[in-house]
PDB file of all heavy atoms in Angstrom:
ATOM      1  N   LEU A   1       0.834  -1.182   0.043  1.00  0.00           N
ATOM      2  CA  LEU A   1       0.060  -0.025  -0.051  1.00  0.00           C
ATOM      3  C   LEU A   1       0.839   1.173  -0.012  1.00  0.00           C
ATOM      4  O   LEU A   1       1.817   1.316   0.700  1.00  0.00           O
ATOM      5  CB  LEU A   1      -0.833   0.003   1.293  1.00  0.00           C
ATOM      6  CG  LEU A   1      -1.594   1.390   1.700  1.00  0.00           C
ATOM      7  CD1 LEU A   1      -2.542   1.596   0.673  1.00  0.00           C
ATOM      8  CD2 LEU A   1      -2.070   1.351   3.118  1.00  0.00           C
ATOM      9  N   THR A   2       0.618   2.131  -0.962  1.00  0.00           N
ATOM     10  CA  THR A   2       1.335   3.403  -0.950  1.00  0.00           C
ATOM     11  C   THR A   2       0.255   4.671  -0.667  1.00  0.00           C
ATOM     12  O   THR A   2      -0.678   4.624  -1.447  1.00  0.00           O
ATOM     13  CB  THR A   2       2.190   3.635  -2.182  1.00  0.00           C
ATOM     14  OG1 THR A   2       1.291   3.544  -3.316  1.00  0.00           O
ATOM     15  CG2 THR A   2       3.211   2.587  -2.312  1.00  0.00           C
ATOM     16  N   THR A   3       0.714   5.542   0.124  1.00  0.00           N
ATOM     17  CA  THR A   3      -0.127   6.714   0.239  1.00  0.00           C
ATOM     18  C   THR A   3       0.843   7.882   0.702  1.00  0.00           C
ATOM     19  O   THR A   3       2.033   7.618   0.662  1.00  0.00           O
ATOM     20  CB  THR A   3      -1.305   6.554   1.165  1.00  0.00           C
ATOM     21  OG1 THR A   3      -2.132   7.757   1.216  1.00  0.00           O
ATOM     22  CG2 THR A   3      -0.891   6.277   2.689  1.00  0.00           C
ATOM     23  N   THR A   4       0.367   9.034   1.090  1.00  0.00           N
ATOM     24  CA  THR A   4       1.118  10.123   1.471  1.00  0.00           C
ATOM     25  C   THR A   4       2.104   9.779   2.487  1.00  0.00           C
ATOM     26  O   THR A   4       1.864   9.377   3.539  1.00  0.00           O
ATOM     27  CB  THR A   4       0.202  11.280   1.992  1.00  0.00           C
ATOM     28  OG1 THR A   4      -0.752  11.568   0.957  1.00  0.00           O
ATOM     29  CG2 THR A   4       1.120  12.501   2.263  1.00  0.00           C
ATOM     30  N   GLN A   5       3.356   9.937   2.107  1.00  0.00           N
ATOM     31  CA  GLN A   5       4.603   9.592   2.823  1.00  0.00           C
ATOM     32  C   GLN A   5       4.494   8.233   3.724  1.00  0.00           C
ATOM     33  O   GLN A   5       5.134   8.227   4.781  1.00  0.00           O
ATOM     34  CB  GLN A   5       4.793  10.787   3.852  1.00  0.00           C
ATOM     35  CG  GLN A   5       5.318  11.979   3.231  1.00  0.00           C
ATOM     36  CD  GLN A   5       6.844  11.713   2.766  1.00  0.00           C
ATOM     37  OE1 GLN A   5       6.947  11.222   1.771  1.00  0.00           O
ATOM     38  NE2 GLN A   5       7.751  12.333   3.469  1.00  0.00           N
ATOM     39  N   LEU A   6       3.913   7.172   3.127  1.00  0.00           N
ATOM     40  CA  LEU A   6       3.694   6.049   3.737  1.00  0.00           C
ATOM     41  C   LEU A   6       3.741   4.800   2.754  1.00  0.00           C
ATOM     42  O   LEU A   6       3.172   4.832   1.684  1.00  0.00           O
ATOM     43  CB  LEU A   6       2.521   5.995   4.592  1.00  0.00           C
ATOM     44  CG  LEU A   6       2.172   4.563   5.356  1.00  0.00           C
ATOM     45  CD1 LEU A   6       3.143   4.347   6.375  1.00  0.00           C
ATOM     46  CD2 LEU A   6       0.819   4.611   5.974  1.00  0.00           C
ATOM     47  N   VAL A   7       4.531   3.771   3.096  1.00  0.00           N
ATOM     48  CA  VAL A   7       4.518   2.552   2.421  1.00  0.00           C
ATOM     49  C   VAL A   7       4.341   1.352   3.319  1.00  0.00           C
ATOM     50  O   VAL A   7       4.956   1.257   4.357  1.00  0.00           O
ATOM     51  CB  VAL A   7       5.860   2.263   1.677  1.00  0.00           C
ATOM     52  CG1 VAL A   7       5.983   0.769   1.010  1.00  0.00           C
ATOM     53  CG2 VAL A   7       6.167   3.276   0.564  1.00  0.00           C
ATOM     54  N   VAL A   8       3.308   0.591   3.206  1.00  0.00           N
ATOM     55  CA  VAL A   8       2.946  -0.567   4.023  1.00  0.00           C
ATOM     56  C   VAL A   8       3.128  -1.865   3.268  1.00  0.00           C
ATOM     57  O   VAL A   8       2.553  -2.027   2.116  1.00  0.00           O
ATOM     58  CB  VAL A   8       1.514  -0.492   4.444  1.00  0.00           C
ATOM     59  CG1 VAL A   8       1.210  -1.679   5.449  1.00  0.00           C
ATOM     60  CG2 VAL A   8       1.289   0.881   5.221  1.00  0.00           C
ATOM     61  N   LEU A   9       3.936  -2.778   3.801  1.00  0.00           N
ATOM     62  CA  LEU A   9       4.076  -4.088   3.251  1.00  0.00           C
ATOM     63  C   LEU A   9       3.406  -5.165   4.051  1.00  0.00           C
ATOM     64  O   LEU A   9       3.390  -5.098   5.379  1.00  0.00           O
ATOM     65  CB  LEU A   9       5.575  -4.559   3.206  1.00  0.00           C
ATOM     66  CG  LEU A   9       6.564  -3.485   2.601  1.00  0.00           C
ATOM     67  CD1 LEU A   9       7.977  -4.124   2.651  1.00  0.00           C
ATOM     68  CD2 LEU A   9       6.252  -3.298   1.099  1.00  0.00           C
ATOM     69  N   ALA A  10       2.759  -6.076   3.408  1.00  0.00           N
ATOM     70  CA  ALA A  10       1.948  -7.182   4.036  1.00  0.00           C
ATOM     71  C   ALA A  10       2.102  -8.358   3.264  1.00  0.00           C
ATOM     72  O   ALA A  10       2.172  -8.297   2.039  1.00  0.00           O
ATOM     73  CB  ALA A  10       0.496  -6.665   4.458  1.00  0.00           C
ATOM     74  N   GLY A  11       2.026  -9.488   3.901  1.00  0.00           N
ATOM     75  CA  GLY A  11       1.930 -10.782   3.139  1.00  0.00           C
ATOM     76  C   GLY A  11       2.774 -11.908   3.709  1.00  0.00           C
ATOM     77  O   GLY A  11       3.116 -11.676   5.002  1.00  0.00           O
ATOM     78  N   GLU A  12       2.945 -12.986   3.115  1.00  0.00           N
ATOM     79  CA  GLU A  12       3.524 -14.261   3.608  1.00  0.00           C
ATOM     80  C   GLU A  12       4.758 -14.492   2.942  1.00  0.00           C
ATOM     81  O   GLU A  12       4.900 -14.514   1.727  1.00  0.00           O
ATOM     82  CB  GLU A  12       2.474 -15.351   3.476  1.00  0.00           C
ATOM     83  CG  GLU A  12       1.158 -15.064   4.121  1.00  0.00           C
ATOM     84  CD  GLU A  12       0.220 -14.161   3.512  1.00  0.00           C
ATOM     85  OE1 GLU A  12       0.124 -14.216   2.379  1.00  0.00           O
ATOM     86  OE2 GLU A  12      -0.269 -13.133   4.164  1.00  0.00           O
ATOM     87  N   ILE A  13       5.806 -14.977   3.683  1.00  0.00           N
ATOM     88  CA  ILE A  13       7.012 -15.285   3.162  1.00  0.00           C
ATOM     89  C   ILE A  13       7.728 -16.420   3.711  1.00  0.00           C
ATOM     90  O   ILE A  13       7.440 -16.845   4.780  1.00  0.00           O
ATOM     91  CB  ILE A  13       8.096 -13.966   3.427  1.00  0.00           C
ATOM     92  CG1 ILE A  13       8.131 -13.691   4.861  1.00  0.00           C
ATOM     93  CG2 ILE A  13       7.490 -12.802   2.580  1.00  0.00           C
ATOM     94  CD1 ILE A  13       9.217 -12.614   5.201  1.00  0.00           C
ATOM     95  N   ARG A  14       8.745 -16.943   3.018  1.00  0.00           N
ATOM     96  CA  ARG A  14       9.682 -17.984   3.468  1.00  0.00           C
ATOM     97  C   ARG A  14      10.856 -17.880   2.714  1.00  0.00           C
ATOM     98  O   ARG A  14      10.827 -17.924   1.448  1.00  0.00           O
ATOM     99  CB  ARG A  14       9.072 -19.329   3.343  1.00  0.00           C
ATOM    100  CG  ARG A  14       9.888 -20.432   4.029  1.00  0.00           C
ATOM    101  CD  ARG A  14       9.245 -21.801   3.971  1.00  0.00           C
ATOM    102  NE  ARG A  14       9.383 -22.378   2.650  1.00  0.00           N
ATOM    103  CZ  ARG A  14       8.719 -23.342   2.149  1.00  0.00           C
ATOM    104  NH1 ARG A  14       7.659 -23.762   2.804  1.00  0.00           N
ATOM    105  NH2 ARG A  14       8.842 -23.892   0.991  1.00  0.00           N
ATOM    106  N   CYS A  15      12.047 -17.610   3.312  1.00  0.00           N
ATOM    107  CA  CYS A  15      13.341 -17.486   2.540  1.00  0.00           C
ATOM    108  C   CYS A  15      14.479 -17.707   3.417  1.00  0.00           C
ATOM    109  O   CYS A  15      14.688 -17.189   4.413  1.00  0.00           O
ATOM    110  CB  CYS A  15      13.387 -15.904   2.002  1.00  0.00           C
ATOM    111  SG  CYS A  15      14.714 -15.559   0.932  1.00  0.00           S
ATOM    112  N   LYS A  16      15.372 -18.592   2.934  1.00  0.00           N
ATOM    113  CA  LYS A  16      16.585 -18.926   3.653  1.00  0.00           C
ATOM    114  C   LYS A  16      17.492 -17.683   3.720  1.00  0.00           C
ATOM    115  O   LYS A  16      17.725 -16.961   2.637  1.00  0.00           O
ATOM    116  CB  LYS A  16      17.384 -20.078   2.906  1.00  0.00           C
ATOM    117  CG  LYS A  16      16.639 -21.430   2.853  1.00  0.00           C
ATOM    118  CD  LYS A  16      17.356 -22.469   2.112  1.00  0.00           C
ATOM    119  CE  LYS A  16      16.670 -23.733   1.981  1.00  0.00           C
ATOM    120  NZ  LYS A  16      17.304 -24.802   1.177  1.00  0.00           N
ATOM    121  N   GLY A  17      17.998 -17.399   4.841  1.00  0.00           N
ATOM    122  CA  GLY A  17      18.870 -16.370   5.078  1.00  0.00           C
ATOM    123  C   GLY A  17      18.178 -14.987   5.266  1.00  0.00           C
ATOM    124  O   GLY A  17      18.755 -14.025   5.570  1.00  0.00           O
ATOM    125  N   VAL A  18      16.828 -15.048   5.154  1.00  0.00           N
ATOM    126  CA  VAL A  18      16.148 -13.805   5.441  1.00  0.00           C
ATOM    127  C   VAL A  18      14.969 -14.043   6.463  1.00  0.00           C
ATOM    128  O   VAL A  18      15.005 -13.233   7.460  1.00  0.00           O
ATOM    129  CB  VAL A  18      15.359 -13.313   4.017  1.00  0.00           C
ATOM    130  CG1 VAL A  18      14.460 -12.103   4.318  1.00  0.00           C
ATOM    131  CG2 VAL A  18      16.379 -13.060   2.940  1.00  0.00           C
ATOM    132  N   TYR A  19      14.122 -14.982   6.301  1.00  0.00           N
ATOM    133  CA  TYR A  19      13.189 -15.281   7.308  1.00  0.00           C
ATOM    134  C   TYR A  19      12.893 -16.729   7.327  1.00  0.00           C
ATOM    135  O   TYR A  19      12.538 -17.436   6.496  1.00  0.00           O
ATOM    136  CB  TYR A  19      11.753 -14.593   6.829  1.00  0.00           C
ATOM    137  CG  TYR A  19      10.655 -14.772   7.911  1.00  0.00           C
ATOM    138  CD1 TYR A  19      10.548 -13.539   8.814  1.00  0.00           C
ATOM    139  CD2 TYR A  19       9.943 -15.788   8.046  1.00  0.00           C
ATOM    140  CE1 TYR A  19       9.607 -13.570   9.729  1.00  0.00           C
ATOM    141  CE2 TYR A  19       8.903 -15.814   8.980  1.00  0.00           C
ATOM    142  CZ  TYR A  19       8.658 -14.716   9.837  1.00  0.00           C
ATOM    143  OH  TYR A  19       7.716 -14.718  10.901  1.00  0.00           O
ATOM    144  N   GLU A  20      13.333 -17.426   8.595  1.00  0.00           N
ATOM    145  CA  GLU A  20      13.280 -18.794   8.652  1.00  0.00           C
ATOM    146  C   GLU A  20      12.735 -19.089  10.193  1.00  0.00           C
ATOM    147  O   GLU A  20      13.192 -18.436  11.028  1.00  0.00           O
ATOM    148  CB  GLU A  20      14.628 -19.469   8.488  1.00  0.00           C
ATOM    149  CG  GLU A  20      15.159 -19.425   7.125  1.00  0.00           C
ATOM    150  CD  GLU A  20      16.488 -20.113   6.996  1.00  0.00           C
ATOM    151  OE1 GLU A  20      16.520 -21.288   6.710  1.00  0.00           O
ATOM    152  OE2 GLU A  20      17.495 -19.382   7.102  1.00  0.00           O
ATOM    153  N   ASN A  21      11.961 -20.157  10.270  1.00  0.00           N
ATOM    154  CA  ASN A  21      11.403 -20.567  11.614  1.00  0.00           C
ATOM    155  C   ASN A  21      10.899 -19.445  12.344  1.00  0.00           C
ATOM    156  O   ASN A  21      11.078 -19.335  13.710  1.00  0.00           O
ATOM    157  CB  ASN A  21      12.521 -21.182  12.323  1.00  0.00           C
ATOM    158  CG  ASN A  21      13.195 -22.419  11.574  1.00  0.00           C
ATOM    159  OD1 ASN A  21      12.457 -23.271  11.085  1.00  0.00           O
ATOM    160  ND2 ASN A  21      14.549 -22.527  11.621  1.00  0.00           N
ATOM    161  N   GLY A  22      10.235 -18.666  11.686  1.00  0.00           N
ATOM    162  CA  GLY A  22       9.429 -17.410  12.366  1.00  0.00           C
ATOM    163  C   GLY A  22      10.419 -16.332  12.725  1.00  0.00           C
ATOM    164  O   GLY A  22       9.909 -15.446  13.532  1.00  0.00           O
ATOM    165  N   GLN A  23      11.645 -16.326  12.366  1.00  0.00           N
ATOM    166  CA  GLN A  23      12.577 -15.314  12.705  1.00  0.00           C
ATOM    167  C   GLN A  23      13.176 -14.514  11.564  1.00  0.00           C
ATOM    168  O   GLN A  23      13.507 -15.200  10.521  1.00  0.00           O
ATOM    169  CB  GLN A  23      13.646 -15.887  13.593  1.00  0.00           C
ATOM    170  CG  GLN A  23      13.102 -16.570  14.926  1.00  0.00           C
ATOM    171  CD  GLN A  23      12.612 -15.557  15.867  1.00  0.00           C
ATOM    172  OE1 GLN A  23      13.084 -14.437  16.029  1.00  0.00           O
ATOM    173  NE2 GLN A  23      11.528 -15.937  16.586  1.00  0.00           N
ATOM    174  N   TRP A  24      13.345 -13.208  11.776  1.00  0.00           N
ATOM    175  CA  TRP A  24      14.160 -12.533  10.733  1.00  0.00           C
ATOM    176  C   TRP A  24      15.566 -12.698  10.914  1.00  0.00           C
ATOM    177  O   TRP A  24      16.140 -12.767  12.078  1.00  0.00           O
ATOM    178  CB  TRP A  24      13.796 -11.111  10.789  1.00  0.00           C
ATOM    179  CG  TRP A  24      12.419 -10.599  10.403  1.00  0.00           C
ATOM    180  CD1 TRP A  24      11.403 -10.358  11.162  1.00  0.00           C
ATOM    181  CD2 TRP A  24      12.003 -10.388   9.038  1.00  0.00           C
ATOM    182  NE1 TRP A  24      10.223  -9.986  10.437  1.00  0.00           N
ATOM    183  CE2 TRP A  24      10.713  -9.945   9.116  1.00  0.00           C
ATOM    184  CE3 TRP A  24      12.724 -10.579   7.808  1.00  0.00           C
ATOM    185  CZ2 TRP A  24       9.927  -9.741   7.856  1.00  0.00           C
ATOM    186  CZ3 TRP A  24      11.964 -10.157   6.608  1.00  0.00           C
ATOM    187  CH2 TRP A  24      10.515  -9.900   6.697  1.00  0.00           C
ATOM    188  N   ALA A  25      16.408 -12.823   9.852  1.00  0.00           N
ATOM    189  CA  ALA A  25      17.803 -12.935   9.883  1.00  0.00           C
ATOM    190  C   ALA A  25      18.263 -11.505  10.340  1.00  0.00           C
ATOM    191  O   ALA A  25      17.771 -10.479   9.868  1.00  0.00           O
ATOM    192  CB  ALA A  25      18.343 -13.404   8.515  1.00  0.00           C
ATOM    193  N   GLU A  26      19.449 -11.412  10.881  1.00  0.00           N
ATOM    194  CA  GLU A  26      19.975 -10.199  11.153  1.00  0.00           C
ATOM    195  C   GLU A  26      20.247  -9.235   9.883  1.00  0.00           C
ATOM    196  O   GLU A  26      20.759  -9.743   8.846  1.00  0.00           O
ATOM    197  CB  GLU A  26      21.362 -10.286  11.807  1.00  0.00           C
ATOM    198  CG  GLU A  26      22.050  -9.100  12.365  1.00  0.00           C
ATOM    199  CD  GLU A  26      23.300  -9.252  13.111  1.00  0.00           C
ATOM    200  OE1 GLU A  26      23.621 -10.487  13.386  1.00  0.00           O
ATOM    201  OE2 GLU A  26      23.956  -8.317  13.450  1.00  0.00           O
ATOM    202  N   GLY A  27      19.765  -8.044   9.982  1.00  0.00           N
ATOM    203  CA  GLY A  27      19.864  -7.055   8.912  1.00  0.00           C
ATOM    204  C   GLY A  27      18.910  -7.198   7.750  1.00  0.00           C
ATOM    205  O   GLY A  27      18.830  -6.443   6.877  1.00  0.00           O
ATOM    206  N   ALA A  28      18.101  -8.300   7.800  1.00  0.00           N
ATOM    207  CA  ALA A  28      17.136  -8.503   6.807  1.00  0.00           C
ATOM    208  C   ALA A  28      16.107  -7.367   6.586  1.00  0.00           C
ATOM    209  O   ALA A  28      15.798  -6.991   5.542  1.00  0.00           O
ATOM    210  CB  ALA A  28      16.431  -9.851   6.925  1.00  0.00           C
ATOM    211  N   GLN A  29      15.379  -6.934   7.796  1.00  0.00           N
ATOM    212  CA  GLN A  29      14.592  -5.950   7.663  1.00  0.00           C
ATOM    213  C   GLN A  29      15.036  -4.629   7.100  1.00  0.00           C
ATOM    214  O   GLN A  29      14.380  -3.847   6.456  1.00  0.00           O
ATOM    215  CB  GLN A  29      13.845  -5.814   9.104  1.00  0.00           C
ATOM    216  CG  GLN A  29      13.004  -6.948   9.541  1.00  0.00           C
ATOM    217  CD  GLN A  29      12.296  -6.772  10.735  1.00  0.00           C
ATOM    218  OE1 GLN A  29      11.115  -6.292  10.692  1.00  0.00           O
ATOM    219  NE2 GLN A  29      12.773  -7.280  11.864  1.00  0.00           N
ATOM    220  N   GLU A  30      16.272  -4.386   7.534  1.00  0.00           N
ATOM    221  CA  GLU A  30      16.925  -3.086   7.091  1.00  0.00           C
ATOM    222  C   GLU A  30      17.110  -3.211   5.590  1.00  0.00           C
ATOM    223  O   GLU A  30      16.984  -2.067   4.874  1.00  0.00           O
ATOM    224  CB  GLU A  30      18.276  -2.950   7.789  1.00  0.00           C
ATOM    225  CG  GLU A  30      18.120  -2.545   9.356  1.00  0.00           C
ATOM    226  CD  GLU A  30      17.854  -3.755  10.121  1.00  0.00           C
ATOM    227  OE1 GLU A  30      17.848  -4.866   9.701  1.00  0.00           O
ATOM    228  OE2 GLU A  30      17.447  -3.451  11.376  1.00  0.00           O
ATOM    229  N   GLU A  31      17.355  -4.380   5.091  1.00  0.00           N
ATOM    230  CA  GLU A  31      17.620  -4.484   3.603  1.00  0.00           C
ATOM    231  C   GLU A  31      16.409  -4.392   2.913  1.00  0.00           C
ATOM    232  O   GLU A  31      16.264  -3.824   1.760  1.00  0.00           O
ATOM    233  CB  GLU A  31      18.240  -5.894   3.274  1.00  0.00           C
ATOM    234  CG  GLU A  31      18.838  -6.018   1.846  1.00  0.00           C
ATOM    235  CD  GLU A  31      19.729  -7.147   1.722  1.00  0.00           C
ATOM    236  OE1 GLU A  31      19.909  -7.919   2.620  1.00  0.00           O
ATOM    237  OE2 GLU A  31      20.263  -7.371   0.573  1.00  0.00           O
ATOM    238  N   ILE A  32      15.250  -4.824   3.408  1.00  0.00           N
ATOM    239  CA  ILE A  32      13.942  -4.633   2.750  1.00  0.00           C
ATOM    240  C   ILE A  32      13.614  -3.183   2.772  1.00  0.00           C
ATOM    241  O   ILE A  32      13.180  -2.725   1.673  1.00  0.00           O
ATOM    242  CB  ILE A  32      12.982  -5.461   3.669  1.00  0.00           C
ATOM    243  CG1 ILE A  32      12.992  -6.942   3.347  1.00  0.00           C
ATOM    244  CG2 ILE A  32      11.426  -4.868   3.266  1.00  0.00           C
ATOM    245  CD1 ILE A  32      12.193  -7.754   4.268  1.00  0.00           C
ATOM    246  N   GLU A  33      13.800  -2.449   3.813  1.00  0.00           N
ATOM    247  CA  GLU A  33      13.597  -0.933   3.941  1.00  0.00           C
ATOM    248  C   GLU A  33      14.526  -0.242   2.785  1.00  0.00           C
ATOM    249  O   GLU A  33      13.927   0.613   2.103  1.00  0.00           O
ATOM    250  CB  GLU A  33      13.816  -0.400   5.181  1.00  0.00           C
ATOM    251  CG  GLU A  33      13.511   1.071   5.196  1.00  0.00           C
ATOM    252  CD  GLU A  33      13.787   1.724   6.623  1.00  0.00           C
ATOM    253  OE1 GLU A  33      13.449   1.049   7.763  1.00  0.00           O
ATOM    254  OE2 GLU A  33      14.182   2.813   6.703  1.00  0.00           O
ATOM    255  N   ALA A  34      15.650  -0.648   2.792  1.00  0.00           N
ATOM    256  CA  ALA A  34      16.478  -0.034   1.689  1.00  0.00           C
ATOM    257  C   ALA A  34      16.087  -0.283   0.337  1.00  0.00           C
ATOM    258  O   ALA A  34      16.273   0.520  -0.508  1.00  0.00           O
ATOM    259  CB  ALA A  34      17.921  -0.573   1.878  1.00  0.00           C
ATOM    260  N   THR A  35      15.611  -1.571   0.092  1.00  0.00           N
ATOM    261  CA  THR A  35      15.029  -1.870  -1.333  1.00  0.00           C
ATOM    262  C   THR A  35      13.747  -1.039  -1.630  1.00  0.00           C
ATOM    263  O   THR A  35      13.663  -0.576  -2.794  1.00  0.00           O
ATOM    264  CB  THR A  35      14.611  -3.331  -1.255  1.00  0.00           C
ATOM    265  OG1 THR A  35      15.782  -4.228  -1.006  1.00  0.00           O
ATOM    266  CG2 THR A  35      14.063  -3.739  -2.547  1.00  0.00           C
ATOM    267  N   VAL A  36      13.000  -0.728  -0.589  1.00  0.00           N
ATOM    268  CA  VAL A  36      11.787   0.028  -0.872  1.00  0.00           C
ATOM    269  C   VAL A  36      12.160   1.473  -1.179  1.00  0.00           C
ATOM    270  O   VAL A  36      11.598   2.037  -2.119  1.00  0.00           O
ATOM    271  CB  VAL A  36      10.897   0.111   0.444  1.00  0.00           C
ATOM    272  CG1 VAL A  36       9.792   1.161   0.334  1.00  0.00           C
ATOM    273  CG2 VAL A  36      10.274  -1.336   0.725  1.00  0.00           C
ATOM    274  N   ARG A  37      13.119   1.989  -0.447  1.00  0.00           N
ATOM    275  CA  ARG A  37      13.555   3.511  -0.704  1.00  0.00           C
ATOM    276  C   ARG A  37      14.165   3.690  -2.001  1.00  0.00           C
ATOM    277  O   ARG A  37      14.033   4.480  -2.827  1.00  0.00           O
ATOM    278  CB  ARG A  37      14.477   3.876   0.460  1.00  0.00           C
ATOM    279  CG  ARG A  37      13.706   4.028   1.823  1.00  0.00           C
ATOM    280  CD  ARG A  37      14.506   4.847   2.752  1.00  0.00           C
ATOM    281  NE  ARG A  37      13.977   4.572   4.134  1.00  0.00           N
ATOM    282  CZ  ARG A  37      12.908   5.417   4.566  1.00  0.00           C
ATOM    283  NH1 ARG A  37      12.395   6.316   3.716  1.00  0.00           N
ATOM    284  NH2 ARG A  37      12.400   5.297   5.758  1.00  0.00           N
ATOM    285  N   ARG A  38      15.074   2.559  -2.365  1.00  0.00           N
ATOM    286  CA  ARG A  38      15.779   2.604  -3.582  1.00  0.00           C
ATOM    287  C   ARG A  38      14.761   2.488  -4.794  1.00  0.00           C
ATOM    288  O   ARG A  38      14.923   3.267  -5.786  1.00  0.00           O
ATOM    289  CB  ARG A  38      16.710   1.472  -3.736  1.00  0.00           C
ATOM    290  CG  ARG A  38      17.550   1.475  -4.950  1.00  0.00           C
ATOM    291  CD  ARG A  38      18.708   0.497  -5.033  1.00  0.00           C
ATOM    292  NE  ARG A  38      18.174  -0.977  -4.964  1.00  0.00           N
ATOM    293  CZ  ARG A  38      18.248  -1.633  -3.751  1.00  0.00           C
ATOM    294  NH1 ARG A  38      18.756  -1.249  -2.827  1.00  0.00           N
ATOM    295  NH2 ARG A  38      17.766  -2.910  -3.824  1.00  0.00           N
ATOM    296  N   THR A  39      13.759   1.723  -4.723  1.00  0.00           N
ATOM    297  CA  THR A  39      12.710   1.552  -5.664  1.00  0.00           C
ATOM    298  C   THR A  39      12.054   2.958  -6.005  1.00  0.00           C
ATOM    299  O   THR A  39      11.842   3.374  -7.110  1.00  0.00           O
ATOM    300  CB  THR A  39      11.695   0.501  -5.377  1.00  0.00           C
ATOM    301  OG1 THR A  39      12.346  -0.686  -5.194  1.00  0.00           O
ATOM    302  CG2 THR A  39      10.664   0.354  -6.484  1.00  0.00           C
ATOM    303  N   VAL A  40      11.541   3.614  -4.825  1.00  0.00           N
ATOM    304  CA  VAL A  40      10.900   4.796  -4.980  1.00  0.00           C
ATOM    305  C   VAL A  40      11.825   6.062  -5.481  1.00  0.00           C
ATOM    306  O   VAL A  40      11.382   6.742  -6.362  1.00  0.00           O
ATOM    307  CB  VAL A  40      10.247   5.202  -3.533  1.00  0.00           C
ATOM    308  CG1 VAL A  40       9.703   6.761  -3.644  1.00  0.00           C
ATOM    309  CG2 VAL A  40       9.210   4.229  -3.024  1.00  0.00           C
ATOM    310  N   LYS A  41      13.048   5.946  -5.122  1.00  0.00           N
ATOM    311  CA  LYS A  41      14.018   6.840  -5.650  1.00  0.00           C
ATOM    312  C   LYS A  41      14.144   6.678  -7.176  1.00  0.00           C
ATOM    313  O   LYS A  41      14.308   7.696  -7.978  1.00  0.00           O
ATOM    314  CB  LYS A  41      15.520   6.713  -5.057  1.00  0.00           C
ATOM    315  CG  LYS A  41      16.419   7.613  -5.409  1.00  0.00           C
ATOM    316  CD  LYS A  41      17.763   7.492  -4.640  1.00  0.00           C
ATOM    317  CE  LYS A  41      18.834   8.459  -5.109  1.00  0.00           C
ATOM    318  NZ  LYS A  41      20.065   8.216  -4.367  1.00  0.00           N
ATOM    319  N   GLU A  42      14.308   5.396  -7.560  1.00  0.00           N
ATOM    320  CA  GLU A  42      14.518   5.257  -9.052  1.00  0.00           C
ATOM    321  C   GLU A  42      13.361   5.642  -9.898  1.00  0.00           C
ATOM    322  O   GLU A  42      13.458   6.058 -11.027  1.00  0.00           O
ATOM    323  CB  GLU A  42      14.855   3.635  -9.258  1.00  0.00           C
ATOM    324  CG  GLU A  42      16.261   3.328  -8.794  1.00  0.00           C
ATOM    325  CD  GLU A  42      16.565   1.834  -8.725  1.00  0.00           C
ATOM    326  OE1 GLU A  42      15.621   1.068  -9.103  1.00  0.00           O
ATOM    327  OE2 GLU A  42      17.664   1.403  -8.511  1.00  0.00           O
TER     328      GLU A  42
END
């Protein structure tokens, strides 16, 4: 969801090295945020 100065992500995932056994890998959430910002910038 995108709206004024806000991006909301929702959904279901499974990914080795990112999200396993109900836990985020270290730095994964920060990499997701950086990906969002880079996309909007581009």
